[in-house]
Amino acid sequence: MAKPTGRTLVAANRKARHDYVIEDVFEAGIVLMGTEVKALRAGRASLVDGWCEIDGNEAWLHGIHIPEYAQGTWTNHAPRRKRKLLLHRDEIDRLASKIHDKGQTIVPLSLYFLDGRAKVEIALARGKKDWDKRQALRERQDNLESQRAMRERRDR
């Protein structure tokens, strides 16, 4: 059987882009157990409550839900256990220095397979206020209305 190539998306955290201003994006490997990989290949995961923490010299991913593998036995994993992220030392140091600022956090954006290896895209983010969210929604609606008007004008 040929080795899988390309990027296969497993889960995306679409709400993160609504709730946070994304400042910097990193790609990290993730340490998984065998049954977790099989459950991910089945396309089941949730990043909604996920967040990252720098503990000492290591990065950890908390709160993501990878359900138990249906055909797993006593070797099955805990669905919400913390998982270690594989990052370079300078990336961990940069993230650790930035999250000490008020309002900064690290959130997962997507979980995917890249050439057969599980990867997670994490972002250094700043929380949005309610008025920021309303303003972004209003801008998106204005853009859609202007594009619709231009399309109608062009079709006449």
N, C-alpha and C. Protein backbone atom coordinates (compact mmCIF):
# COMPACT_ATOMS: atom_id res chain seq x y z
N MET A 1 0.83 -1.17 0.00
CA MET A 1 0.00 0.00 0.00
C MET A 1 0.88 1.25 0.00
N ALA A 2 0.53 2.24 -0.80
CA ALA A 2 1.31 3.46 -0.93
C ALA A 2 1.15 4.33 0.31
N LYS A 3 2.21 5.04 0.62
CA LYS A 3 2.17 5.96 1.76
C LYS A 3 1.30 7.16 1.40
N PRO A 4 0.38 7.57 2.30
CA PRO A 4 -0.49 8.71 1.99
C PRO A 4 0.31 10.00 1.89
N THR A 5 -0.04 10.83 0.91
CA THR A 5 0.63 12.11 0.74
C THR A 5 -0.41 13.23 0.77
N GLY A 6 0.06 14.41 1.04
CA GLY A 6 -0.84 15.57 1.07
C GLY A 6 -1.39 15.83 2.45
N ARG A 7 -2.31 16.79 2.49
CA ARG A 7 -2.90 17.22 3.76
C ARG A 7 -4.35 16.76 3.82
N THR A 8 -4.69 16.03 4.89
CA THR A 8 -6.05 15.54 5.11
C THR A 8 -6.57 16.15 6.41
N LEU A 9 -7.54 17.04 6.29
CA LEU A 9 -8.09 17.73 7.46
C LEU A 9 -8.97 16.78 8.27
N VAL A 10 -8.75 16.75 9.58
CA VAL A 10 -9.55 15.92 10.48
C VAL A 10 -10.56 16.77 11.23
N ALA A 11 -10.10 17.90 11.80
CA ALA A 11 -10.98 18.77 12.57
C ALA A 11 -10.48 20.21 12.47
N ALA A 12 -11.42 21.14 12.49
CA ALA A 12 -11.07 22.56 12.46
C ALA A 12 -11.84 23.28 13.55
N ASN A 13 -11.20 24.28 14.13
CA ASN A 13 -11.82 25.08 15.18
C ASN A 13 -12.23 26.41 14.55
N ARG A 14 -13.40 26.43 13.89
CA ARG A 14 -13.84 27.63 13.20
C ARG A 14 -14.21 28.74 14.17
N LYS A 15 -14.61 28.39 15.36
CA LYS A 15 -15.01 29.40 16.35
C LYS A 15 -13.81 30.20 16.86
N ALA A 16 -12.62 29.63 16.77
CA ALA A 16 -11.43 30.33 17.26
C ALA A 16 -11.20 31.62 16.50
N ARG A 17 -11.42 31.62 15.20
CA ARG A 17 -11.21 32.83 14.41
C ARG A 17 -12.27 33.89 14.72
N HIS A 18 -13.41 33.45 15.23
CA HIS A 18 -14.46 34.40 15.63
C HIS A 18 -14.17 34.98 17.01
N ASP A 19 -13.66 34.17 17.91
CA ASP A 19 -13.46 34.59 19.30
C ASP A 19 -12.11 35.25 19.55
N TYR A 20 -11.13 35.06 18.66
CA TYR A 20 -9.78 35.55 18.89
C TYR A 20 -9.25 36.29 17.67
N VAL A 21 -8.32 37.20 17.93
CA VAL A 21 -7.54 37.83 16.87
C VAL A 21 -6.27 36.99 16.76
N ILE A 22 -6.08 36.35 15.62
CA ILE A 22 -4.93 35.46 15.41
C ILE A 22 -3.71 36.31 15.08
N GLU A 23 -2.64 36.17 15.87
CA GLU A 23 -1.45 36.97 15.66
C GLU A 23 -0.32 36.19 15.01
N ASP A 24 -0.14 34.94 15.38
CA ASP A 24 0.95 34.14 14.82
C ASP A 24 0.51 32.68 14.79
N VAL A 25 0.89 31.95 13.75
CA VAL A 25 0.45 30.56 13.57
C VAL A 25 1.67 29.66 13.52
N PHE A 26 1.57 28.51 14.19
CA PHE A 26 2.63 27.52 14.22
C PHE A 26 2.07 26.15 13.85
N GLU A 27 2.91 25.32 13.25
CA GLU A 27 2.53 23.93 12.99
C GLU A 27 3.33 23.06 13.95
N ALA A 28 2.64 22.18 14.66
CA ALA A 28 3.31 21.33 15.66
C ALA A 28 2.92 19.88 15.43
N GLY A 29 3.85 19.00 15.70
CA GLY A 29 3.53 17.59 15.75
C GLY A 29 2.83 17.31 17.06
N ILE A 30 2.18 16.17 17.14
CA ILE A 30 1.43 15.84 18.36
C ILE A 30 1.72 14.38 18.70
N VAL A 31 1.98 14.12 19.98
CA VAL A 31 2.26 12.76 20.44
C VAL A 31 0.94 12.07 20.72
N LEU A 32 0.67 10.98 20.00
CA LEU A 32 -0.59 10.26 20.12
C LEU A 32 -0.35 8.79 20.39
N MET A 33 -1.36 8.14 20.98
CA MET A 33 -1.35 6.69 21.14
C MET A 33 -1.93 6.07 19.87
N GLY A 34 -1.77 4.77 19.72
CA GLY A 34 -2.24 4.09 18.51
C GLY A 34 -3.73 4.19 18.30
N THR A 35 -4.51 4.06 19.36
CA THR A 35 -5.96 4.12 19.19
C THR A 35 -6.42 5.54 18.87
N GLU A 36 -5.65 6.55 19.31
CA GLU A 36 -5.99 7.92 18.96
C GLU A 36 -5.80 8.16 17.46
N VAL A 37 -4.73 7.62 16.92
CA VAL A 37 -4.48 7.77 15.49
C VAL A 37 -5.59 7.09 14.69
N LYS A 38 -6.01 5.92 15.11
CA LYS A 38 -7.08 5.22 14.40
C LYS A 38 -8.40 5.99 14.49
N ALA A 39 -8.69 6.57 15.65
CA ALA A 39 -9.91 7.36 15.78
C ALA A 39 -9.84 8.61 14.91
N LEU A 40 -8.66 9.23 14.81
CA LEU A 40 -8.51 10.40 13.95
C LEU A 40 -8.64 10.03 12.48
N ARG A 41 -8.11 8.90 12.09
CA ARG A 41 -8.24 8.47 10.69
C ARG A 41 -9.70 8.21 10.34
N ALA A 42 -10.51 7.89 11.34
CA ALA A 42 -11.95 7.74 11.12
C ALA A 42 -12.63 9.11 11.00
N GLY A 43 -11.88 10.19 11.25
CA GLY A 43 -12.38 11.54 11.06
C GLY A 43 -13.17 12.09 12.22
N ARG A 44 -12.85 11.68 13.42
CA ARG A 44 -13.63 12.13 14.58
C ARG A 44 -12.72 12.82 15.58
N ALA A 45 -12.97 14.12 15.80
CA ALA A 45 -12.25 14.89 16.82
C ALA A 45 -12.94 16.23 16.98
N SER A 46 -12.71 16.87 18.13
CA SER A 46 -13.29 18.18 18.38
C SER A 46 -12.24 19.06 19.05
N LEU A 47 -12.02 20.25 18.48
CA LEU A 47 -11.04 21.20 19.02
C LEU A 47 -11.68 22.37 19.74
N VAL A 48 -12.99 22.35 19.92
CA VAL A 48 -13.73 23.51 20.39
C VAL A 48 -13.23 24.01 21.75
N ASP A 49 -13.01 23.14 22.69
CA ASP A 49 -12.60 23.55 24.03
C ASP A 49 -11.09 23.48 24.23
N GLY A 50 -10.33 23.36 23.16
CA GLY A 50 -8.89 23.15 23.25
C GLY A 50 -8.11 24.41 23.58
N TRP A 51 -7.00 24.23 24.28
CA TRP A 51 -6.07 25.30 24.59
C TRP A 51 -4.71 24.70 24.86
N CYS A 52 -3.66 25.51 24.76
CA CYS A 52 -2.29 25.03 24.96
C CYS A 52 -1.67 25.69 26.18
N GLU A 53 -0.73 24.98 26.75
CA GLU A 53 -0.04 25.45 27.94
C GLU A 53 1.44 25.15 27.79
N ILE A 54 2.28 26.08 28.20
CA ILE A 54 3.73 25.86 28.23
C ILE A 54 4.08 25.52 29.67
N ASP A 55 4.55 24.30 29.89
CA ASP A 55 4.89 23.82 31.22
C ASP A 55 6.37 23.47 31.24
N GLY A 56 7.16 24.33 31.86
CA GLY A 56 8.60 24.10 31.85
C GLY A 56 9.14 24.34 30.45
N ASN A 57 9.68 23.31 29.85
CA ASN A 57 10.24 23.41 28.50
C ASN A 57 9.41 22.62 27.50
N GLU A 58 8.16 22.34 27.84
CA GLU A 58 7.32 21.53 26.96
C GLU A 58 5.99 22.23 26.72
N ALA A 59 5.42 21.97 25.55
CA ALA A 59 4.11 22.50 25.20
C ALA A 59 3.10 21.36 25.28
N TRP A 60 1.95 21.62 25.90
CA TRP A 60 0.91 20.61 26.09
C TRP A 60 -0.41 21.13 25.53
N LEU A 61 -1.16 20.25 24.93
CA LEU A 61 -2.47 20.57 24.37
C LEU A 61 -3.53 19.97 25.27
N HIS A 62 -4.42 20.81 25.79
CA HIS A 62 -5.46 20.39 26.72
C HIS A 62 -6.83 20.55 26.08
N GLY A 63 -7.79 19.75 26.52
CA GLY A 63 -9.19 19.98 26.22
C GLY A 63 -9.69 19.53 24.87
N ILE A 64 -8.84 18.98 24.00
CA ILE A 64 -9.39 18.50 22.73
C ILE A 64 -9.97 17.11 22.96
N HIS A 65 -11.00 16.80 22.22
CA HIS A 65 -11.71 15.53 22.43
C HIS A 65 -11.48 14.62 21.23
N ILE A 66 -10.80 13.51 21.48
CA ILE A 66 -10.64 12.45 20.49
C ILE A 66 -11.36 11.25 21.08
N PRO A 67 -12.52 10.88 20.53
CA PRO A 67 -13.31 9.81 21.14
C PRO A 67 -12.58 8.48 21.10
N GLU A 68 -12.99 7.58 21.98
CA GLU A 68 -12.37 6.26 22.03
C GLU A 68 -12.58 5.53 20.71
N TYR A 69 -11.60 4.73 20.33
CA TYR A 69 -11.67 3.94 19.11
C TYR A 69 -12.65 2.79 19.34
N ALA A 70 -13.59 2.61 18.44
CA ALA A 70 -14.67 1.64 18.63
C ALA A 70 -14.15 0.21 18.75
N GLN A 71 -13.13 -0.15 17.98
CA GLN A 71 -12.60 -1.51 18.03
C GLN A 71 -11.45 -1.66 19.03
N GLY A 72 -11.21 -0.61 19.82
CA GLY A 72 -10.13 -0.67 20.80
C GLY A 72 -10.49 -1.57 21.97
N THR A 73 -9.47 -2.06 22.65
CA THR A 73 -9.69 -2.93 23.80
C THR A 73 -9.29 -2.18 25.06
N TRP A 74 -8.72 -2.85 26.00
CA TRP A 74 -8.30 -2.22 27.24
C TRP A 74 -7.18 -1.21 27.00
N THR A 75 -6.60 -1.20 25.80
CA THR A 75 -5.53 -0.26 25.49
C THR A 75 -6.05 1.08 24.99
N ASN A 76 -7.38 1.28 25.01
CA ASN A 76 -7.97 2.53 24.54
C ASN A 76 -7.48 3.72 25.37
N HIS A 77 -7.54 4.89 24.80
CA HIS A 77 -7.05 6.11 25.43
C HIS A 77 -8.18 6.85 26.14
N ALA A 78 -7.81 7.79 26.99
CA ALA A 78 -8.79 8.68 27.62
C ALA A 78 -9.12 9.78 26.61
N PRO A 79 -10.40 10.07 26.37
CA PRO A 79 -10.77 11.01 25.31
C PRO A 79 -10.24 12.43 25.49
N ARG A 80 -10.13 12.93 26.71
CA ARG A 80 -9.72 14.32 26.93
C ARG A 80 -8.38 14.44 27.66
N ARG A 81 -7.49 13.51 27.45
CA ARG A 81 -6.19 13.60 28.13
C ARG A 81 -5.35 14.72 27.51
N LYS A 82 -4.35 15.19 28.28
CA LYS A 82 -3.47 16.21 27.71
C LYS A 82 -2.44 15.52 26.82
N ARG A 83 -2.10 16.21 25.72
CA ARG A 83 -1.21 15.63 24.72
C ARG A 83 -0.03 16.56 24.49
N LYS A 84 1.14 15.97 24.37
CA LYS A 84 2.36 16.74 24.20
C LYS A 84 2.49 17.22 22.75
N LEU A 85 2.92 18.47 22.60
CA LEU A 85 3.15 19.04 21.28
C LEU A 85 4.65 19.00 20.98
N LEU A 86 4.97 18.77 19.73
CA LEU A 86 6.36 18.70 19.30
C LEU A 86 6.71 19.98 18.55
N LEU A 87 7.44 20.86 19.22
CA LEU A 87 7.86 22.15 18.67
C LEU A 87 9.36 22.31 18.87
N HIS A 88 9.97 23.19 18.09
CA HIS A 88 11.37 23.51 18.28
C HIS A 88 11.53 24.37 19.54
N ARG A 89 12.71 24.33 20.13
CA ARG A 89 12.98 25.05 21.36
C ARG A 89 12.72 26.55 21.20
N ASP A 90 13.16 27.14 20.08
CA ASP A 90 12.96 28.58 19.91
C ASP A 90 11.48 28.93 19.76
N GLU A 91 10.69 28.05 19.18
CA GLU A 91 9.25 28.28 19.08
C GLU A 91 8.59 28.23 20.45
N ILE A 92 8.99 27.27 21.27
CA ILE A 92 8.44 27.18 22.63
C ILE A 92 8.83 28.41 23.44
N ASP A 93 10.09 28.85 23.32
CA ASP A 93 10.53 30.03 24.06
C ASP A 93 9.78 31.28 23.61
N ARG A 94 9.55 31.41 22.30
CA ARG A 94 8.82 32.57 21.79
C ARG A 94 7.38 32.57 22.29
N LEU A 95 6.74 31.40 22.26
CA LEU A 95 5.36 31.30 22.76
C LEU A 95 5.30 31.59 24.26
N ALA A 96 6.25 31.05 25.01
CA ALA A 96 6.25 31.25 26.46
C ALA A 96 6.41 32.72 26.82
N SER A 97 7.24 33.44 26.08
CA SER A 97 7.42 34.86 26.39
C SER A 97 6.19 35.68 26.01
N LYS A 98 5.48 35.28 24.95
CA LYS A 98 4.32 36.05 24.49
C LYS A 98 3.08 35.83 25.34
N ILE A 99 2.88 34.63 25.88
CA ILE A 99 1.63 34.38 26.60
C ILE A 99 1.59 35.02 27.98
N HIS A 100 2.71 35.58 28.42
CA HIS A 100 2.69 36.29 29.69
C HIS A 100 2.03 37.65 29.57
N ASP A 101 1.87 38.15 28.34
CA ASP A 101 1.14 39.41 28.14
C ASP A 101 -0.33 39.18 28.45
N LYS A 102 -0.99 40.21 28.94
CA LYS A 102 -2.40 40.07 29.30
C LYS A 102 -3.25 39.86 28.05
N GLY A 103 -4.12 38.88 28.12
CA GLY A 103 -5.05 38.60 27.02
C GLY A 103 -4.52 37.66 25.97
N GLN A 104 -3.26 37.22 26.07
CA GLN A 104 -2.68 36.32 25.08
C GLN A 104 -2.93 34.88 25.48
N THR A 105 -3.19 34.03 24.50
CA THR A 105 -3.37 32.60 24.75
C THR A 105 -2.95 31.84 23.51
N ILE A 106 -2.88 30.53 23.63
CA ILE A 106 -2.54 29.68 22.50
C ILE A 106 -3.73 28.75 22.27
N VAL A 107 -4.29 28.78 21.06
CA VAL A 107 -5.46 27.97 20.74
C VAL A 107 -5.16 27.10 19.52
N PRO A 108 -5.74 25.89 19.47
CA PRO A 108 -5.58 25.06 18.28
C PRO A 108 -6.57 25.50 17.20
N LEU A 109 -6.09 25.58 15.96
CA LEU A 109 -6.94 25.97 14.84
C LEU A 109 -7.42 24.78 14.03
N SER A 110 -6.52 23.83 13.78
CA SER A 110 -6.91 22.66 12.99
C SER A 110 -6.04 21.47 13.35
N LEU A 111 -6.59 20.30 13.09
CA LEU A 111 -5.91 19.03 13.32
C LEU A 111 -5.96 18.28 12.01
N TYR A 112 -4.82 17.81 11.52
CA TYR A 112 -4.79 17.19 10.19
C TYR A 112 -3.63 16.20 10.09
N PHE A 113 -3.67 15.42 9.03
CA PHE A 113 -2.56 14.52 8.70
C PHE A 113 -1.80 15.15 7.54
N LEU A 114 -0.49 15.25 7.68
CA LEU A 114 0.38 15.76 6.63
C LEU A 114 1.36 14.66 6.28
N ASP A 115 1.20 14.08 5.10
CA ASP A 115 2.01 12.95 4.65
C ASP A 115 2.01 11.81 5.66
N GLY A 116 0.85 11.55 6.24
CA GLY A 116 0.69 10.44 7.16
C GLY A 116 1.01 10.73 8.60
N ARG A 117 1.46 11.93 8.92
CA ARG A 117 1.80 12.28 10.31
C ARG A 117 0.78 13.27 10.85
N ALA A 118 0.38 13.06 12.10
CA ALA A 118 -0.62 13.94 12.72
C ALA A 118 0.03 15.25 13.10
N LYS A 119 -0.61 16.34 12.69
CA LYS A 119 -0.12 17.69 12.98
C LYS A 119 -1.27 18.51 13.52
N VAL A 120 -0.94 19.52 14.31
CA VAL A 120 -1.94 20.46 14.80
C VAL A 120 -1.42 21.87 14.51
N GLU A 121 -2.32 22.72 14.03
CA GLU A 121 -1.98 24.10 13.76
C GLU A 121 -2.43 24.92 14.97
N ILE A 122 -1.48 25.54 15.66
CA ILE A 122 -1.81 26.32 16.84
C ILE A 122 -1.53 27.79 16.54
N ALA A 123 -2.21 28.65 17.27
CA ALA A 123 -2.06 30.08 17.02
C ALA A 123 -1.90 30.84 18.32
N LEU A 124 -1.04 31.82 18.29
CA LEU A 124 -0.94 32.78 19.37
C LEU A 124 -2.04 33.80 19.12
N ALA A 125 -2.94 33.94 20.08
CA ALA A 125 -4.14 34.73 19.84
C ALA A 125 -4.44 35.66 21.01
N ARG A 126 -5.19 36.70 20.71
CA ARG A 126 -5.66 37.65 21.71
C ARG A 126 -7.17 37.64 21.67
N GLY A 127 -7.81 37.54 22.82
CA GLY A 127 -9.26 37.47 22.89
C GLY A 127 -9.93 38.73 22.38
N LYS A 128 -11.02 38.56 21.65
CA LYS A 128 -11.79 39.70 21.15
C LYS A 128 -12.83 40.10 22.19
N LYS A 129 -13.13 41.37 22.21
CA LYS A 129 -14.23 41.88 23.02
C LYS A 129 -15.52 41.71 22.21
N ASP A 130 -16.66 41.84 22.87
CA ASP A 130 -17.94 41.68 22.17
C ASP A 130 -18.11 42.68 21.04
N TRP A 131 -17.66 43.92 21.24
CA TRP A 131 -17.83 44.92 20.19
C TRP A 131 -16.93 44.60 18.99
N ASP A 132 -15.77 43.95 19.22
CA ASP A 132 -14.92 43.52 18.12
C ASP A 132 -15.63 42.48 17.26
N LYS A 133 -16.32 41.55 17.94
CA LYS A 133 -17.03 40.50 17.21
C LYS A 133 -18.16 41.09 16.39
N ARG A 134 -18.89 42.04 16.97
CA ARG A 134 -19.99 42.67 16.23
C ARG A 134 -19.45 43.47 15.05
N GLN A 135 -18.34 44.14 15.24
CA GLN A 135 -17.75 44.93 14.17
C GLN A 135 -17.27 44.03 13.03
N ALA A 136 -16.64 42.90 13.36
CA ALA A 136 -16.18 41.96 12.32
C ALA A 136 -17.37 41.39 11.56
N LEU A 137 -18.44 41.06 12.26
CA LEU A 137 -19.64 40.55 11.61
C LEU A 137 -20.25 41.60 10.69
N ARG A 138 -20.29 42.85 11.14
CA ARG A 138 -20.84 43.93 10.33
C ARG A 138 -19.99 44.15 9.07
N GLU A 139 -18.66 44.10 9.20
CA GLU A 139 -17.77 44.25 8.04
C GLU A 139 -18.00 43.13 7.03
N ARG A 140 -18.14 41.91 7.52
CA ARG A 140 -18.36 40.77 6.62
C ARG A 140 -19.69 40.92 5.89
N GLN A 141 -20.74 41.36 6.60
CA GLN A 141 -22.04 41.57 5.96
C GLN A 141 -21.96 42.69 4.93
N ASP A 142 -21.24 43.76 5.23
CA ASP A 142 -21.09 44.86 4.28
C ASP A 142 -20.35 44.40 3.02
N ASN A 143 -19.32 43.59 3.20
CA ASN A 143 -18.59 43.06 2.03
C ASN A 143 -19.48 42.18 1.18
N LEU A 144 -20.28 41.32 1.81
CA LEU A 144 -21.18 40.46 1.06
C LEU A 144 -22.21 41.28 0.29
N GLU A 145 -22.76 42.31 0.94
CA GLU A 145 -23.75 43.15 0.26
C GLU A 145 -23.14 43.90 -0.92
N SER A 146 -21.92 44.40 -0.76
CA SER A 146 -21.28 45.12 -1.86
C SER A 146 -20.94 44.19 -3.01
N GLN A 147 -20.49 42.97 -2.72
CA GLN A 147 -20.22 42.00 -3.77
C GLN A 147 -21.50 41.60 -4.50
N ARG A 148 -22.58 41.45 -3.75
CA ARG A 148 -23.87 41.10 -4.36
C ARG A 148 -24.34 42.23 -5.28
N ALA A 149 -24.18 43.48 -4.82
CA ALA A 149 -24.59 44.62 -5.63
C ALA A 149 -23.75 44.72 -6.91
N MET A 150 -22.45 44.49 -6.79
CA MET A 150 -21.59 44.54 -7.98
C MET A 150 -21.93 43.42 -8.95
N ARG A 151 -22.24 42.24 -8.42
CA ARG A 151 -22.61 41.11 -9.27
C ARG A 151 -23.91 41.40 -10.02
N GLU A 152 -24.91 41.97 -9.31
CA GLU A 152 -26.18 42.32 -9.95
C GLU A 152 -25.97 43.40 -11.01
N ARG A 153 -25.10 44.37 -10.73
CA ARG A 153 -24.82 45.43 -11.68
C ARG A 153 -24.14 44.87 -12.93
N ARG A 154 -23.22 43.92 -12.72
CA ARG A 154 -22.49 43.30 -13.83
C ARG A 154 -23.41 42.45 -14.69
N ASP A 155 -24.37 41.77 -14.08
CA ASP A 155 -25.26 40.86 -14.83
C ASP A 155 -26.32 41.60 -15.64
N ARG A 156 -26.53 42.86 -15.41
CA ARG A 156 -27.55 43.61 -16.15
C ARG A 156 -27.14 43.89 -17.55
